[in-house]
Amino acid sequence: MVMNPPVELHIEELVLHGFTGHDAYRVGGAVEQQISQLLQERGLPSSFSHGAHIDHLHGGSFTMQQGMKDASVGTRIAQSVYKGLAK
């Protein structure tokens, strides 16, 4: 098993359009959990080999299906953010 070095990721603000109240907090928690898992499994993109600071990252958009669970939405958002980090 390859051990990835520790990573500190600070997301100051996560803007979720179309979510309110508790939904936004549950989705935000799911994003946090999934982005942590992606970083543990895949590590940082090579562009971060010497550290990086990103002021703004647009994670893209996707179409949600009616009744989509918070964890699924969080996974989709985290995957978009991770993909944005690799650019």
N, C-alpha and C. Protein backbone atom coordinates (compact mmCIF):
# COMPACT_ATOMS: atom_id res chain seq x y z
N MET A 1 0.84 -1.18 0.00
CA MET A 1 0.00 0.00 0.00
C MET A 1 0.88 1.24 0.00
N VAL A 2 0.59 2.19 -0.88
CA VAL A 2 1.33 3.44 -0.97
C VAL A 2 0.75 4.42 0.03
N MET A 3 1.62 4.99 0.85
CA MET A 3 1.17 5.98 1.84
C MET A 3 1.35 7.38 1.27
N ASN A 4 0.27 8.12 1.19
CA ASN A 4 0.34 9.50 0.72
C ASN A 4 0.64 10.41 1.90
N PRO A 5 1.44 11.46 1.68
CA PRO A 5 1.75 12.37 2.77
C PRO A 5 0.49 13.10 3.23
N PRO A 6 0.48 13.60 4.47
CA PRO A 6 -0.69 14.32 4.97
C PRO A 6 -0.98 15.55 4.12
N VAL A 7 -2.25 15.86 3.97
CA VAL A 7 -2.69 17.00 3.18
C VAL A 7 -3.59 17.87 4.04
N GLU A 8 -3.38 19.16 3.99
CA GLU A 8 -4.28 20.09 4.68
C GLU A 8 -5.05 20.85 3.62
N LEU A 9 -6.35 20.70 3.62
CA LEU A 9 -7.22 21.37 2.67
C LEU A 9 -8.19 22.22 3.46
N HIS A 10 -8.21 23.50 3.15
CA HIS A 10 -9.14 24.41 3.83
C HIS A 10 -10.07 25.00 2.79
N ILE A 11 -11.34 24.74 2.93
CA ILE A 11 -12.35 25.32 2.05
C ILE A 11 -13.06 26.38 2.86
N GLU A 12 -12.79 27.62 2.54
CA GLU A 12 -13.36 28.72 3.31
C GLU A 12 -14.86 28.84 3.08
N GLU A 13 -15.26 28.66 1.84
CA GLU A 13 -16.67 28.80 1.53
C GLU A 13 -17.05 27.84 0.41
N LEU A 14 -18.12 27.13 0.61
CA LEU A 14 -18.67 26.23 -0.39
C LEU A 14 -20.05 26.76 -0.73
N VAL A 15 -20.21 27.26 -1.94
CA VAL A 15 -21.48 27.85 -2.36
C VAL A 15 -22.30 26.78 -3.07
N LEU A 16 -23.46 26.48 -2.53
CA LEU A 16 -24.35 25.46 -3.08
C LEU A 16 -25.66 26.14 -3.47
N HIS A 17 -25.83 26.39 -4.73
CA HIS A 17 -27.06 27.00 -5.21
C HIS A 17 -28.18 25.96 -5.23
N GLY A 18 -29.34 26.36 -4.77
CA GLY A 18 -30.50 25.48 -4.82
C GLY A 18 -30.70 24.64 -3.57
N PHE A 19 -29.86 24.81 -2.57
CA PHE A 19 -30.00 24.08 -1.32
C PHE A 19 -30.30 25.06 -0.20
N THR A 20 -31.07 24.63 0.76
CA THR A 20 -31.40 25.50 1.89
C THR A 20 -31.16 24.78 3.20
N GLY A 21 -30.96 25.56 4.24
CA GLY A 21 -30.89 25.07 5.61
C GLY A 21 -30.09 23.80 5.81
N HIS A 22 -30.75 22.83 6.42
CA HIS A 22 -30.08 21.58 6.78
C HIS A 22 -29.59 20.80 5.57
N ASP A 23 -30.28 20.93 4.45
CA ASP A 23 -29.82 20.24 3.24
C ASP A 23 -28.41 20.68 2.88
N ALA A 24 -28.17 21.98 2.93
CA ALA A 24 -26.85 22.50 2.58
C ALA A 24 -25.78 21.96 3.53
N TYR A 25 -26.08 21.87 4.82
CA TYR A 25 -25.10 21.35 5.78
C TYR A 25 -24.84 19.86 5.55
N ARG A 26 -25.87 19.10 5.25
CA ARG A 26 -25.68 17.66 5.00
C ARG A 26 -24.88 17.44 3.71
N VAL A 27 -25.19 18.20 2.68
CA VAL A 27 -24.45 18.07 1.42
C VAL A 27 -23.01 18.52 1.64
N GLY A 28 -22.80 19.62 2.35
CA GLY A 28 -21.45 20.09 2.65
C GLY A 28 -20.64 19.06 3.41
N GLY A 29 -21.26 18.39 4.36
CA GLY A 29 -20.58 17.32 5.10
C GLY A 29 -20.21 16.17 4.19
N ALA A 30 -21.10 15.83 3.28
CA ALA A 30 -20.82 14.75 2.33
C ALA A 30 -19.67 15.13 1.40
N VAL A 31 -19.62 16.40 0.99
CA VAL A 31 -18.52 16.87 0.15
C VAL A 31 -17.21 16.73 0.91
N GLU A 32 -17.19 17.17 2.15
CA GLU A 32 -15.98 17.10 2.97
C GLU A 32 -15.50 15.65 3.10
N GLN A 33 -16.40 14.74 3.39
CA GLN A 33 -16.04 13.34 3.54
C GLN A 33 -15.51 12.76 2.23
N GLN A 34 -16.17 13.06 1.13
CA GLN A 34 -15.78 12.48 -0.16
C GLN A 34 -14.47 13.07 -0.68
N ILE A 35 -14.26 14.38 -0.51
CA ILE A 35 -13.01 14.98 -1.00
C ILE A 35 -11.83 14.43 -0.18
N SER A 36 -12.05 14.18 1.11
CA SER A 36 -11.01 13.56 1.93
C SER A 36 -10.68 12.17 1.42
N GLN A 37 -11.70 11.42 1.10
CA GLN A 37 -11.49 10.06 0.58
C GLN A 37 -10.75 10.09 -0.75
N LEU A 38 -11.14 11.00 -1.65
CA LEU A 38 -10.46 11.10 -2.94
C LEU A 38 -8.99 11.45 -2.77
N LEU A 39 -8.70 12.37 -1.86
CA LEU A 39 -7.31 12.77 -1.63
C LEU A 39 -6.51 11.62 -1.03
N GLN A 40 -7.12 10.84 -0.15
CA GLN A 40 -6.42 9.69 0.44
C GLN A 40 -6.16 8.62 -0.61
N GLU A 41 -7.15 8.36 -1.45
CA GLU A 41 -7.02 7.30 -2.45
C GLU A 41 -6.13 7.69 -3.62
N ARG A 42 -6.31 8.91 -4.11
CA ARG A 42 -5.61 9.33 -5.34
C ARG A 42 -4.45 10.28 -5.08
N GLY A 43 -4.38 10.85 -3.90
CA GLY A 43 -3.35 11.82 -3.59
C GLY A 43 -3.63 13.15 -4.27
N LEU A 44 -2.70 14.06 -4.12
CA LEU A 44 -2.83 15.37 -4.75
C LEU A 44 -2.43 15.29 -6.21
N PRO A 45 -3.07 16.07 -7.05
CA PRO A 45 -2.62 16.16 -8.44
C PRO A 45 -1.16 16.64 -8.48
N SER A 46 -0.44 16.27 -9.51
CA SER A 46 0.99 16.59 -9.61
C SER A 46 1.27 18.09 -9.58
N SER A 47 0.30 18.90 -9.97
CA SER A 47 0.51 20.35 -9.95
C SER A 47 0.68 20.89 -8.53
N PHE A 48 0.40 20.07 -7.52
CA PHE A 48 0.53 20.48 -6.13
C PHE A 48 1.78 19.93 -5.46
N SER A 49 2.72 19.44 -6.23
CA SER A 49 3.90 18.80 -5.66
C SER A 49 4.71 19.71 -4.75
N HIS A 50 4.61 21.02 -4.95
CA HIS A 50 5.35 21.98 -4.12
C HIS A 50 4.41 22.90 -3.38
N GLY A 51 3.18 22.46 -3.14
CA GLY A 51 2.20 23.28 -2.44
C GLY A 51 1.48 24.21 -3.40
N ALA A 52 0.36 24.69 -2.99
CA ALA A 52 -0.42 25.58 -3.85
C ALA A 52 -1.44 26.33 -3.02
N HIS A 53 -1.86 27.45 -3.56
CA HIS A 53 -2.93 28.24 -2.96
C HIS A 53 -3.87 28.63 -4.09
N ILE A 54 -5.12 28.28 -3.95
CA ILE A 54 -6.12 28.60 -4.97
C ILE A 54 -7.14 29.54 -4.35
N ASP A 55 -7.28 30.72 -4.93
CA ASP A 55 -8.23 31.69 -4.40
C ASP A 55 -9.67 31.33 -4.73
N HIS A 56 -9.88 30.74 -5.90
CA HIS A 56 -11.24 30.46 -6.35
C HIS A 56 -11.21 29.25 -7.27
N LEU A 57 -12.12 28.34 -7.07
CA LEU A 57 -12.22 27.16 -7.92
C LEU A 57 -13.68 26.94 -8.26
N HIS A 58 -13.99 26.99 -9.53
CA HIS A 58 -15.35 26.72 -9.97
C HIS A 58 -15.47 25.21 -10.18
N GLY A 59 -16.31 24.58 -9.39
CA GLY A 59 -16.44 23.13 -9.44
C GLY A 59 -17.31 22.62 -10.56
N GLY A 60 -17.86 23.52 -11.37
CA GLY A 60 -18.70 23.08 -12.47
C GLY A 60 -20.15 22.92 -12.03
N SER A 61 -20.91 22.28 -12.85
CA SER A 61 -22.31 22.06 -12.54
C SER A 61 -22.73 20.68 -13.05
N PHE A 62 -23.83 20.20 -12.56
CA PHE A 62 -24.37 18.92 -13.00
C PHE A 62 -25.87 18.93 -12.76
N THR A 63 -26.56 18.06 -13.43
CA THR A 63 -28.00 17.96 -13.28
C THR A 63 -28.31 16.93 -12.20
N MET A 64 -29.11 17.34 -11.23
CA MET A 64 -29.52 16.43 -10.17
C MET A 64 -30.81 15.74 -10.57
N GLN A 65 -30.96 14.54 -10.11
CA GLN A 65 -32.19 13.81 -10.33
C GLN A 65 -33.06 13.96 -9.09
N GLN A 66 -34.35 13.98 -9.28
CA GLN A 66 -35.30 14.10 -8.18
C GLN A 66 -35.03 13.00 -7.14
N GLY A 67 -34.97 13.38 -5.89
CA GLY A 67 -34.79 12.41 -4.81
C GLY A 67 -33.36 11.95 -4.58
N MET A 68 -32.40 12.61 -5.23
CA MET A 68 -30.99 12.25 -5.07
C MET A 68 -30.59 12.45 -3.61
N LYS A 69 -29.92 11.49 -3.02
CA LYS A 69 -29.52 11.57 -1.62
C LYS A 69 -28.35 12.52 -1.44
N ASP A 70 -28.25 13.09 -0.23
CA ASP A 70 -27.20 14.06 0.08
C ASP A 70 -25.81 13.49 -0.19
N ALA A 71 -25.59 12.23 0.17
CA ALA A 71 -24.27 11.61 -0.05
C ALA A 71 -23.94 11.54 -1.53
N SER A 72 -24.93 11.26 -2.35
CA SER A 72 -24.70 11.19 -3.80
C SER A 72 -24.38 12.56 -4.37
N VAL A 73 -25.11 13.57 -3.90
CA VAL A 73 -24.85 14.95 -4.34
C VAL A 73 -23.44 15.36 -3.90
N GLY A 74 -23.09 15.06 -2.64
CA GLY A 74 -21.76 15.39 -2.13
C GLY A 74 -20.65 14.71 -2.92
N THR A 75 -20.88 13.47 -3.32
CA THR A 75 -19.90 12.74 -4.12
C THR A 75 -19.71 13.41 -5.46
N ARG A 76 -20.79 13.79 -6.11
CA ARG A 76 -20.70 14.46 -7.42
C ARG A 76 -19.95 15.78 -7.30
N ILE A 77 -20.25 16.55 -6.27
CA ILE A 77 -19.58 17.85 -6.08
C ILE A 77 -18.09 17.63 -5.80
N ALA A 78 -17.76 16.69 -4.92
CA ALA A 78 -16.36 16.42 -4.58
C ALA A 78 -15.58 15.97 -5.81
N GLN A 79 -16.17 15.14 -6.63
CA GLN A 79 -15.50 14.71 -7.86
C GLN A 79 -15.24 15.88 -8.78
N SER A 80 -16.18 16.81 -8.87
CA SER A 80 -15.99 18.01 -9.70
C SER A 80 -14.88 18.89 -9.15
N VAL A 81 -14.84 19.04 -7.84
CA VAL A 81 -13.79 19.85 -7.21
C VAL A 81 -12.43 19.20 -7.43
N TYR A 82 -12.34 17.89 -7.22
CA TYR A 82 -11.07 17.19 -7.42
C TYR A 82 -10.60 17.33 -8.85
N LYS A 83 -11.53 17.19 -9.79
CA LYS A 83 -11.19 17.35 -11.21
C LYS A 83 -10.68 18.78 -11.48
N GLY A 84 -11.31 19.77 -10.85
CA GLY A 84 -10.87 21.16 -11.00
C GLY A 84 -9.47 21.39 -10.44
N LEU A 85 -9.12 20.67 -9.39
CA LEU A 85 -7.78 20.79 -8.81
C LEU A 85 -6.72 20.26 -9.75
N ALA A 86 -7.08 19.29 -10.56
CA ALA A 86 -6.12 18.65 -11.46
C ALA A 86 -5.84 19.46 -12.72
N LYS A 87 -6.58 20.53 -12.93
CA LYS A 87 -6.39 21.34 -14.14
C LYS A 87 -5.19 22.24 -13.99
